[in-house]
N, C-alpha and C. Protein backbone atom coordinates (compact mmCIF):
# COMPACT_ATOMS: atom_id res chain seq x y z
N MET A 1 71.02 56.34 -114.74
CA MET A 1 71.07 56.64 -113.33
C MET A 1 69.89 57.52 -112.90
N LEU A 2 69.54 58.51 -113.72
CA LEU A 2 68.42 59.39 -113.38
C LEU A 2 67.10 58.62 -113.36
N GLU A 3 66.94 57.69 -114.28
CA GLU A 3 65.72 56.89 -114.31
C GLU A 3 65.62 56.03 -113.05
N LEU A 4 66.71 55.48 -112.60
CA LEU A 4 66.72 54.70 -111.36
C LEU A 4 66.32 55.57 -110.17
N GLN A 5 66.86 56.78 -110.10
CA GLN A 5 66.51 57.70 -109.01
C GLN A 5 65.03 58.05 -109.06
N ARG A 6 64.48 58.24 -110.23
CA ARG A 6 63.07 58.56 -110.39
C ARG A 6 62.19 57.42 -109.83
N VAL A 7 62.55 56.20 -110.15
CA VAL A 7 61.81 55.03 -109.66
C VAL A 7 61.92 54.92 -108.14
N ILE A 8 63.10 55.12 -107.60
CA ILE A 8 63.30 55.07 -106.14
C ILE A 8 62.46 56.14 -105.45
N SER A 9 62.49 57.35 -105.99
CA SER A 9 61.71 58.44 -105.40
C SER A 9 60.22 58.14 -105.44
N GLU A 10 59.73 57.64 -106.56
CA GLU A 10 58.31 57.32 -106.68
C GLU A 10 57.90 56.25 -105.67
N ASP A 11 58.73 55.24 -105.49
CA ASP A 11 58.45 54.19 -104.51
C ASP A 11 58.44 54.74 -103.08
N ARG A 12 59.38 55.61 -102.77
CA ARG A 12 59.45 56.18 -101.41
C ARG A 12 58.26 57.08 -101.12
N LEU A 13 57.84 57.88 -102.11
CA LEU A 13 56.71 58.78 -101.89
C LEU A 13 55.39 58.02 -101.77
N ALA A 14 55.29 56.86 -102.38
CA ALA A 14 54.06 56.07 -102.34
C ALA A 14 53.67 55.71 -100.91
N ARG A 15 54.61 55.66 -100.00
CA ARG A 15 54.28 55.29 -98.61
C ARG A 15 53.44 56.36 -97.91
N TYR A 16 53.39 57.57 -98.47
CA TYR A 16 52.61 58.66 -97.87
C TYR A 16 51.16 58.70 -98.35
N VAL A 17 50.81 57.93 -99.35
CA VAL A 17 49.45 57.91 -99.86
C VAL A 17 48.51 57.46 -98.74
N GLY A 18 47.46 58.24 -98.53
CA GLY A 18 46.52 57.98 -97.44
C GLY A 18 46.77 58.83 -96.21
N TRP A 19 47.91 59.47 -96.14
CA TRP A 19 48.25 60.31 -94.99
C TRP A 19 47.51 61.64 -95.07
N GLU A 20 47.21 62.20 -93.89
CA GLU A 20 46.74 63.57 -93.80
C GLU A 20 47.97 64.45 -93.59
N ALA A 21 47.95 65.62 -94.20
CA ALA A 21 49.08 66.53 -94.08
C ALA A 21 48.59 67.96 -94.21
N GLU A 22 49.47 68.89 -93.89
CA GLU A 22 49.20 70.30 -94.04
C GLU A 22 50.07 70.82 -95.18
N VAL A 23 49.45 71.53 -96.12
CA VAL A 23 50.18 72.05 -97.28
C VAL A 23 50.23 73.57 -97.19
N LEU A 24 51.41 74.13 -97.39
CA LEU A 24 51.58 75.57 -97.53
C LEU A 24 51.36 75.89 -99.00
N VAL A 25 50.34 76.67 -99.31
CA VAL A 25 50.01 77.00 -100.69
C VAL A 25 51.03 78.00 -101.23
N ASP A 26 51.66 77.64 -102.36
CA ASP A 26 52.61 78.53 -103.01
C ASP A 26 51.95 79.38 -104.09
N ARG A 27 51.00 78.76 -104.81
CA ARG A 27 50.38 79.49 -105.92
C ARG A 27 49.08 78.81 -106.32
N PHE A 28 48.27 79.57 -107.07
CA PHE A 28 47.08 79.00 -107.69
C PHE A 28 47.53 78.15 -108.87
N ALA A 29 46.81 77.10 -109.16
CA ALA A 29 47.14 76.26 -110.31
C ALA A 29 46.80 77.00 -111.60
N SER A 30 47.55 76.72 -112.64
CA SER A 30 47.25 77.32 -113.94
C SER A 30 46.12 76.53 -114.60
N PRO A 31 45.44 77.11 -115.58
CA PRO A 31 44.32 76.41 -116.23
C PRO A 31 44.71 75.05 -116.82
N ASP A 32 45.94 74.90 -117.29
CA ASP A 32 46.34 73.61 -117.87
C ASP A 32 46.63 72.55 -116.81
N GLU A 33 46.59 72.92 -115.53
CA GLU A 33 46.80 71.96 -114.45
C GLU A 33 45.49 71.43 -113.85
N GLN A 34 44.36 71.81 -114.42
CA GLN A 34 43.05 71.39 -113.91
C GLN A 34 42.95 69.87 -113.86
N PRO A 35 42.33 69.27 -112.90
CA PRO A 35 41.43 69.83 -111.87
C PRO A 35 42.15 70.33 -110.62
N VAL A 36 43.45 70.44 -110.67
CA VAL A 36 44.22 70.97 -109.54
C VAL A 36 43.84 72.43 -109.32
N THR A 37 43.66 72.83 -108.06
CA THR A 37 43.31 74.22 -107.76
C THR A 37 44.50 75.01 -107.21
N HIS A 38 45.43 74.32 -106.53
CA HIS A 38 46.57 74.99 -105.91
C HIS A 38 47.82 74.10 -105.99
N VAL A 39 48.95 74.74 -105.90
CA VAL A 39 50.23 74.03 -105.85
C VAL A 39 50.95 74.52 -104.60
N GLY A 40 51.45 73.58 -103.81
CA GLY A 40 52.13 73.96 -102.57
C GLY A 40 53.11 72.88 -102.15
N ARG A 41 53.41 72.90 -100.84
CA ARG A 41 54.40 71.96 -100.29
C ARG A 41 53.97 71.47 -98.92
N VAL A 42 54.21 70.20 -98.67
CA VAL A 42 54.08 69.68 -97.31
C VAL A 42 55.37 70.04 -96.57
N LYS A 43 55.39 69.85 -95.27
CA LYS A 43 56.52 70.35 -94.47
C LYS A 43 57.85 69.69 -94.80
N TRP A 44 57.85 68.52 -95.42
CA TRP A 44 59.11 67.87 -95.74
C TRP A 44 59.53 68.09 -97.20
N GLN A 45 58.87 69.00 -97.90
CA GLN A 45 59.27 69.35 -99.27
C GLN A 45 59.90 70.75 -99.24
N ALA A 46 61.18 70.82 -99.49
CA ALA A 46 61.89 72.09 -99.50
C ALA A 46 61.63 72.84 -100.80
N ASP A 47 61.47 74.13 -100.70
CA ASP A 47 61.24 74.98 -101.86
C ASP A 47 62.43 74.91 -102.82
N ASP A 48 62.17 74.76 -104.10
CA ASP A 48 63.19 74.73 -105.17
C ASP A 48 64.14 73.54 -105.09
N VAL A 49 63.90 72.59 -104.19
CA VAL A 49 64.77 71.43 -104.08
C VAL A 49 63.97 70.15 -104.32
N ASP A 50 62.85 70.03 -103.60
CA ASP A 50 62.01 68.84 -103.69
C ASP A 50 60.85 69.10 -104.64
N GLY A 51 60.01 68.09 -104.78
CA GLY A 51 58.83 68.22 -105.60
C GLY A 51 57.79 69.11 -104.94
N VAL A 52 56.59 69.11 -105.50
CA VAL A 52 55.49 69.92 -105.00
C VAL A 52 54.30 69.02 -104.70
N THR A 53 53.27 69.62 -104.11
CA THR A 53 52.02 68.91 -103.86
C THR A 53 50.93 69.61 -104.64
N TYR A 54 50.25 68.86 -105.50
CA TYR A 54 49.14 69.37 -106.29
C TYR A 54 47.86 69.13 -105.51
N VAL A 55 47.13 70.20 -105.21
CA VAL A 55 45.94 70.12 -104.37
C VAL A 55 44.69 70.38 -105.21
N SER A 56 43.68 69.54 -105.02
CA SER A 56 42.38 69.73 -105.65
C SER A 56 41.35 70.01 -104.58
N GLY A 57 40.35 70.82 -104.93
CA GLY A 57 39.20 71.00 -104.05
C GLY A 57 39.33 72.05 -102.97
N SER A 58 40.23 72.99 -103.10
CA SER A 58 40.36 74.04 -102.09
C SER A 58 40.20 75.40 -102.76
N ALA A 59 38.98 75.83 -102.95
CA ALA A 59 38.71 77.07 -103.66
C ALA A 59 38.97 78.32 -102.82
N VAL A 60 39.05 78.19 -101.51
CA VAL A 60 39.14 79.37 -100.65
C VAL A 60 40.56 79.73 -100.24
N ALA A 61 41.53 78.90 -100.51
CA ALA A 61 42.90 79.15 -100.07
C ALA A 61 43.61 80.13 -101.01
N ALA A 62 44.50 80.90 -100.44
CA ALA A 62 45.32 81.85 -101.19
C ALA A 62 46.78 81.51 -100.92
N PRO A 63 47.69 81.96 -101.79
CA PRO A 63 49.11 81.73 -101.52
C PRO A 63 49.49 82.23 -100.12
N GLY A 64 50.20 81.38 -99.39
CA GLY A 64 50.58 81.68 -98.02
C GLY A 64 49.69 81.02 -96.99
N ASP A 65 48.53 80.52 -97.41
CA ASP A 65 47.62 79.82 -96.51
C ASP A 65 48.05 78.37 -96.33
N PHE A 66 47.62 77.78 -95.23
CA PHE A 66 47.81 76.35 -95.00
C PHE A 66 46.48 75.64 -95.26
N VAL A 67 46.56 74.49 -95.91
CA VAL A 67 45.37 73.70 -96.24
C VAL A 67 45.60 72.27 -95.75
N GLN A 68 44.60 71.72 -95.06
CA GLN A 68 44.64 70.31 -94.66
C GLN A 68 44.27 69.46 -95.87
N VAL A 69 45.05 68.43 -96.12
CA VAL A 69 44.82 67.57 -97.28
C VAL A 69 44.97 66.10 -96.90
N ILE A 70 44.49 65.27 -97.79
CA ILE A 70 44.77 63.84 -97.76
C ILE A 70 45.55 63.54 -99.02
N ILE A 71 46.71 62.93 -98.88
CA ILE A 71 47.52 62.58 -100.03
C ILE A 71 46.88 61.36 -100.69
N VAL A 72 46.47 61.54 -101.95
CA VAL A 72 45.73 60.49 -102.65
C VAL A 72 46.55 59.81 -103.74
N GLY A 73 47.73 60.33 -104.02
CA GLY A 73 48.58 59.72 -105.03
C GLY A 73 49.92 60.41 -105.09
N ASN A 74 50.77 59.88 -105.93
CA ASN A 74 52.08 60.50 -106.11
C ASN A 74 52.59 60.26 -107.52
N GLN A 75 53.51 61.11 -107.91
CA GLN A 75 54.23 60.97 -109.16
C GLN A 75 55.68 60.71 -108.77
N ASP A 76 56.58 60.82 -109.69
CA ASP A 76 57.96 60.50 -109.34
C ASP A 76 58.53 61.39 -108.23
N TYR A 77 58.26 62.69 -108.26
CA TYR A 77 58.78 63.58 -107.22
C TYR A 77 57.70 64.40 -106.52
N ASP A 78 56.45 64.26 -106.94
CA ASP A 78 55.36 65.12 -106.46
C ASP A 78 54.24 64.30 -105.83
N PHE A 79 53.45 65.00 -104.98
CA PHE A 79 52.26 64.41 -104.39
C PHE A 79 51.01 64.95 -105.10
N VAL A 80 49.96 64.18 -105.06
CA VAL A 80 48.63 64.59 -105.50
C VAL A 80 47.74 64.49 -104.27
N ALA A 81 47.02 65.56 -103.95
CA ALA A 81 46.25 65.59 -102.71
C ALA A 81 44.89 66.23 -102.93
N GLU A 82 43.97 65.93 -102.02
CA GLU A 82 42.65 66.54 -102.01
C GLU A 82 42.47 67.27 -100.70
N ALA A 83 41.92 68.48 -100.76
CA ALA A 83 41.65 69.25 -99.56
C ALA A 83 40.67 68.49 -98.68
N SER A 84 40.93 68.48 -97.38
CA SER A 84 40.08 67.73 -96.46
C SER A 84 39.40 68.62 -95.45
N GLY A 85 39.75 69.88 -95.40
CA GLY A 85 39.15 70.73 -94.38
C GLY A 85 38.89 72.11 -94.85
């Protein structure tokens, strides 16, 4: 059942690939998460409930900042994004 839910979630999140969004930065990425620079959430990802958004290319953002991104991919519960602004 969990594997089925994972597949459903991945399929649903795929529809957001190519979208521009605003990410609230939660933290800096750890060295083992490279090339990701920050981890945060888009407005429809609830803290501690939903997945996260992994952001690359935003060296100037700090936790609590908002970053404009383009969603370039997804995993089962998470987004992969690149800073656009």
